[in-house]
C-alpha cells in the first residue's frame, strides 16, 4: 500500500439538548479482527479535550453487546483506549495509530492487551461506512445528576490484585462540588477539596471543573463529567504531592447516583 496522508482532523460543532459540547476533532468506525480470528467492531470519536469515547463489539461473543471504551489521543496522534465494564473494571487496553492510504483508512501498529493475563493480540482494522453516534458517546452530564461515587479497577500484576481508584462528589451550592479522590493503581494519590474552597463547575455547560493547588501542594486537575463516567486529567503536575508516577488521571465509572 502506498501511503497518501495521515488522517487530518476535522472540527465540527455539535449540540446536545441545547447545551454546547466541546468540538469533535475526529470520528472513526472500523471492523476487522484481533489476531487472526476474533471478529471485532470499533467506533469512537474524539472531542476538543482530546478525550476519546466510543464502543467495541465482539460479534461472536456468547451474548454480543457493545462495551464502553474511553481513552486519549496522544501528542503523536496515536490512541490509547480501554474497555470499561459497568462496575468500572477494565477488561482490555488498546494502543494504535490511524493512517489513510490509497485503498482505505486502517489501524496501524495496534495491540489489544488483556490486563489480567497479559495476553496480546495485534489489531487488524479497516474503516467502514457505519455511522458514528457522536451525540450518544458525548452524552454530557447535567450538573443536577452528577453521581456521588465513581470508580475503576485494573489488574496489577506486581501485587496480583485488582487496584484502581474512587472519586466521590457532594454538592456545595449551586454548580459547586466538594470532592474526595483516591487513585491507587500502584502508588497512591489522594486529596480533597479545601473545606472553604469547593470546585466550581464551568460556565455555560456546567459539566466540568478545574481545580488548582490540591492539598496545598500545587497539583491541579480537571474533571469532565459524562452520563456514565467522569474523566480526571492532570493540568498542573506537582512533585512530592503523591506517590511516584501516579496522579488523579483516569476514567471513573459512575457506581452511585
Protein backbone atom coordinates (compact mmCIF):
# COMPACT_ATOMS: atom_id res chain seq x y z
CA UNK A 1 0.00 0.00 0.00
CA UNK A 2 1.25 3.45 -0.85
CA UNK A 3 0.71 5.90 1.95
CA UNK A 4 -1.15 9.04 0.95
CA UNK A 5 -1.69 11.03 4.15
CA UNK A 6 -2.28 10.57 7.84
CA UNK A 7 -5.84 11.30 8.93
CA UNK A 8 -6.48 15.04 9.02
CA UNK A 9 -8.60 16.01 11.98
CA UNK A 10 -11.84 17.77 11.14
CA UNK A 11 -13.60 20.10 13.52
CA UNK A 12 -17.36 20.15 13.75
CA UNK A 13 -19.53 21.68 16.43
CA UNK A 14 -22.37 19.54 17.74
CA UNK A 15 -25.20 20.26 20.14
CA UNK A 16 -26.95 18.06 22.65
CA UNK A 17 -30.23 19.11 24.31
CA UNK A 18 -29.39 22.76 23.72
CA UNK A 19 -26.03 22.51 25.51
CA UNK A 20 -22.87 23.26 23.51
CA UNK A 21 -20.39 20.38 23.56
CA UNK A 22 -16.66 20.51 23.05
CA UNK A 23 -15.80 20.42 19.35
CA UNK A 24 -15.42 16.97 17.82
CA UNK A 25 -11.94 16.57 16.38
CA UNK A 26 -12.40 13.24 14.60
CA UNK A 27 -14.63 10.17 14.38
CA UNK A 28 -13.94 6.61 13.23
CA UNK A 29 -15.76 3.36 12.53
CA UNK A 30 -13.69 0.21 11.99
CA UNK A 31 -14.15 -3.52 11.65
CA UNK A 32 -11.75 -6.44 11.43
CA UNK A 33 -10.09 -8.82 13.88
CA UNK A 34 -7.96 -9.12 16.95
CA UNK A 35 -5.24 -11.55 15.99
CA UNK A 36 -6.34 -13.68 13.06
CA UNK A 37 -9.73 -14.92 14.16
CA UNK A 38 -11.52 -12.71 16.74
CA UNK A 39 -14.04 -10.52 14.85
CA UNK A 40 -14.43 -7.05 16.26
CA UNK A 41 -16.06 -3.69 15.52
CA UNK A 42 -14.75 -0.44 16.98
CA UNK A 43 -16.32 3.02 16.86
CA UNK A 44 -15.15 6.16 18.63
CA UNK A 45 -14.86 9.93 18.40
CA UNK A 46 -12.53 12.48 19.97
CA UNK A 47 -13.60 15.83 21.41
CA UNK A 48 -11.73 19.09 21.85
CA UNK A 49 -10.39 17.98 25.24
CA UNK A 50 -8.72 15.06 23.40
CA UNK A 51 -10.98 12.59 25.20
CA UNK A 52 -11.87 9.59 23.03
CA UNK A 53 -15.22 7.86 23.68
CA UNK A 54 -16.89 5.00 21.84
CA UNK A 55 -17.68 1.30 21.94
CA UNK A 56 -16.23 -2.04 20.95
CA UNK A 57 -18.33 -5.03 19.90
CA UNK A 58 -17.33 -8.69 19.67
CA UNK A 59 -19.94 -10.17 17.27
CA UNK A 60 -19.02 -13.79 18.06
CA UNK A 61 -19.29 -13.38 21.84
CA UNK A 62 -21.84 -15.59 23.63
CA UNK A 63 -24.06 -12.55 24.24
CA UNK A 64 -22.76 -9.77 21.96
CA UNK A 65 -23.17 -6.30 23.44
CA UNK A 66 -21.26 -3.03 22.96
CA UNK A 67 -18.61 -2.33 25.61
CA UNK A 68 -17.75 1.24 26.58
CA UNK A 69 -14.28 2.40 25.50
CA UNK A 70 -12.72 5.64 26.73
CA UNK A 71 -9.20 6.95 26.33
CA UNK A 72 -6.90 9.59 24.96
CA UNK A 73 -5.47 10.95 21.75
CA UNK A 74 -1.75 11.40 22.42
CA UNK A 75 0.61 14.09 21.15
CA UNK A 76 1.75 11.91 18.24
CA UNK A 77 -1.91 11.42 17.16
CA UNK A 78 -1.89 7.83 18.40
CA UNK A 79 -4.67 6.49 20.64
CA UNK A 80 -4.96 4.56 23.89
CA UNK A 81 -8.45 3.18 24.61
CA UNK A 82 -9.63 1.00 27.49
CA UNK A 83 -12.70 -1.23 27.78
CA UNK A 84 -14.87 -0.48 30.82
CA UNK A 85 -17.49 -2.76 32.29
CA UNK A 86 -20.46 -1.23 34.14
CA UNK A 87 -18.65 -1.52 37.50
CA UNK A 88 -15.53 0.21 36.19
CA UNK A 89 -13.46 -2.93 35.64
CA UNK A 90 -11.01 -2.55 32.74
CA UNK A 91 -11.04 -5.70 30.61
CA UNK A 92 -8.94 -4.63 27.62
CA UNK A 93 -6.39 -1.98 26.66
CA UNK A 94 -5.78 -0.89 23.05
CA UNK A 95 -2.99 1.27 21.64
CA UNK A 96 -2.72 2.13 17.95
CA UNK A 97 -2.37 4.73 15.23
CA UNK A 98 -4.82 5.57 12.43
CA UNK A 99 -3.49 6.15 8.92
CA UNK A 100 -5.06 6.66 5.49
CA UNK A 101 -3.76 5.09 2.28
CA UNK A 102 -4.95 4.96 -1.32
CA UNK A 103 -7.08 1.89 -0.55
CA UNK A 104 -8.60 2.98 2.75
CA UNK A 105 -8.14 4.01 6.38
CA UNK A 106 -6.56 1.49 8.74
CA UNK A 107 -5.48 0.94 12.32
CA UNK A 108 -1.69 0.64 12.30
CA UNK A 109 0.80 -0.66 14.88
CA UNK A 110 -2.11 -1.70 17.05
CA UNK A 111 -2.15 -4.01 20.05
CA UNK A 112 -5.02 -5.21 22.28
CA UNK A 113 -3.95 -6.44 25.73
CA UNK A 114 -5.79 -8.37 28.41
CA UNK A 115 -4.61 -6.57 31.59
CA UNK A 116 -5.13 -9.62 33.81
CA UNK A 117 -3.42 -12.29 31.72
CA UNK A 118 -1.06 -10.04 29.78
CA UNK A 119 -2.10 -11.78 26.57
CA UNK A 120 -1.74 -9.57 23.50
CA UNK A 121 -3.33 -9.59 20.05
CA UNK A 122 -2.36 -7.46 17.06
CA UNK A 123 -5.24 -5.27 15.86
CA UNK A 124 -6.28 -5.60 12.19
CA UNK A 125 -8.98 -3.00 11.49
CA UNK A 126 -10.18 -1.15 8.39
CA UNK A 127 -12.62 1.78 8.24
CA UNK A 128 -16.20 1.05 7.18
CA UNK A 129 -19.16 3.28 6.32
CA UNK A 130 -21.17 2.79 9.51
CA UNK A 131 -22.47 5.88 11.32
CA UNK A 132 -20.68 7.02 14.47
CA UNK A 133 -23.32 8.06 17.08
CA UNK A 134 -21.42 11.09 18.39
CA UNK A 135 -24.26 12.52 20.48
CA UNK A 136 -24.59 9.16 22.27
CA UNK A 137 -20.87 8.91 23.02
CA UNK A 138 -20.55 12.53 24.15
CA UNK A 139 -23.58 12.48 26.39
CA UNK A 140 -22.50 15.07 28.95
CA UNK A 141 -23.89 15.05 32.45
CA UNK A 142 -26.44 17.51 33.78
CA UNK A 143 -24.97 19.17 36.89
CA UNK A 144 -28.01 18.06 38.90
CA UNK A 145 -27.25 14.40 38.15
CA UNK A 146 -23.54 14.17 38.95
CA UNK A 147 -23.06 10.95 40.86
CA UNK A 148 -21.91 10.54 44.45
CA UNK A 149 -19.25 7.95 43.60
CA UNK A 150 -17.25 6.85 40.55
CA UNK A 151 -14.65 4.09 40.36
CA UNK A 152 -12.42 1.95 38.16
CA UNK A 153 -10.28 -1.13 38.73
CA UNK A 154 -7.39 -2.66 36.81
CA UNK A 155 -5.38 -5.83 37.42
CA UNK A 156 -1.93 -5.04 38.85
CA UNK A 157 0.39 -7.98 38.11
CA UNK A 158 3.01 -6.76 40.59
CA UNK A 159 0.60 -7.10 43.51
CA UNK A 160 -1.53 -9.87 41.99
CA UNK A 161 -4.74 -7.94 42.71
CA UNK A 162 -7.32 -5.58 41.25
CA UNK A 163 -6.40 -1.98 42.05
CA UNK A 164 -7.77 1.35 40.93
CA UNK A 165 -9.42 4.48 42.18
CA UNK A 166 -12.55 6.14 43.54
CA UNK A 167 -13.83 9.69 43.12
CA UNK A 168 -16.58 10.94 45.43
CA UNK A 169 -18.54 14.17 44.99
CA UNK A 170 -21.14 16.06 47.03
CA UNK A 171 -22.97 19.29 46.45
CA UNK A 172 -21.58 22.50 47.92
CA UNK A 173 -24.06 25.03 46.49
CA UNK A 174 -25.25 25.86 43.01
CA UNK A 175 -22.78 24.49 40.44
CA UNK A 176 -20.29 23.74 43.21
CA UNK A 177 -18.90 20.42 44.41
CA UNK A 178 -16.67 19.04 47.09
CA UNK A 179 -14.56 16.04 46.09
CA UNK A 180 -12.61 13.25 47.78
CA UNK A 181 -10.38 11.29 45.40
CA UNK A 182 -8.13 8.28 45.95
CA UNK A 183 -6.30 6.80 42.98
CA UNK A 184 -4.11 3.78 43.74
CA UNK A 185 -3.28 1.69 40.66
CA UNK A 186 0.08 1.06 42.33
CA UNK A 187 1.25 4.05 44.32
CA UNK A 188 -1.33 6.31 45.98
CA UNK A 189 -2.62 9.73 45.00
CA UNK A 190 -5.31 11.14 47.24
CA UNK A 191 -6.75 14.54 48.00
CA UNK A 192 -9.85 16.53 48.93
CA UNK A 193 -11.23 19.94 48.10
CA UNK A 194 -10.50 22.51 50.76
CA UNK A 195 -13.49 22.92 53.13
CA UNK A 196 -13.84 26.59 52.20
CA UNK A 197 -12.92 26.17 48.51
CA UNK A 198 -15.22 23.79 46.61
CA UNK A 199 -14.77 23.05 42.91
CA UNK A 200 -16.83 25.33 40.66
CA UNK A 201 -18.42 23.86 37.55
CA UNK A 202 -17.57 25.79 34.37
CA UNK A 203 -19.81 28.41 32.79
CA UNK A 204 -22.42 27.54 30.13
CA UNK A 205 -22.13 23.74 30.18
CA UNK A 206 -21.55 23.11 33.90
CA UNK A 207 -20.23 19.60 33.21
CA UNK A 208 -16.57 20.20 34.06
CA UNK A 209 -14.36 21.93 36.58
CA UNK A 210 -10.71 22.76 37.01
CA UNK A 211 -9.18 22.77 40.48
CA UNK A 212 -5.75 24.08 41.42
CA UNK A 213 -3.48 23.51 44.41
CA UNK A 214 -4.96 20.27 45.73
CA UNK A 215 -3.61 19.50 49.23
CA UNK A 216 -1.87 22.89 49.09
CA UNK A 217 0.98 21.25 47.19
CA UNK A 218 0.50 22.80 43.74
CA UNK A 219 -1.30 19.92 41.99
CA UNK A 220 -4.14 20.86 39.62
CA UNK A 221 -6.59 18.69 37.68
CA UNK A 222 -9.70 18.85 35.54
CA UNK A 223 -12.89 16.77 35.86
CA UNK A 224 -15.09 16.18 32.79
CA UNK A 225 -18.49 14.67 33.57
CA UNK A 226 -20.36 12.33 31.21
CA UNK A 227 -23.62 10.50 31.96
CA UNK A 228 -21.84 7.20 32.72
CA UNK A 229 -18.38 8.29 33.85
CA UNK A 230 -16.04 11.13 34.76
CA UNK A 231 -12.59 11.74 33.25
CA UNK A 232 -9.91 13.20 35.52
CA UNK A 233 -6.85 14.77 33.86
CA UNK A 234 -3.79 16.41 35.39
CA UNK A 235 -3.45 20.10 34.48
CA UNK A 236 -0.59 21.12 36.79
CA UNK A 237 1.81 18.34 37.87
CA UNK A 238 3.48 18.78 41.24
CA UNK A 239 6.47 16.83 42.55
CA UNK A 240 6.05 15.35 46.01
CA UNK A 241 2.26 15.55 46.21
CA UNK A 242 1.65 11.83 45.70
CA UNK A 243 3.44 8.53 45.25
CA UNK A 244 5.90 8.29 42.38
CA UNK A 245 4.34 8.09 38.92
CA UNK A 246 0.71 8.50 39.97
CA UNK A 247 -1.86 11.30 39.98
CA UNK A 248 -5.66 11.51 39.68
CA UNK A 249 -5.70 10.68 35.95
CA UNK A 250 -8.21 8.07 34.83
CA UNK A 251 -11.73 7.26 33.75
CA UNK A 252 -14.00 6.58 36.72
CA UNK A 253 -17.37 4.89 36.02
CA UNK A 254 -20.46 6.05 37.92
CA UNK A 255 -21.37 3.43 40.53
CA UNK A 256 -23.54 5.51 42.92
CA UNK A 257 -26.04 8.15 41.84
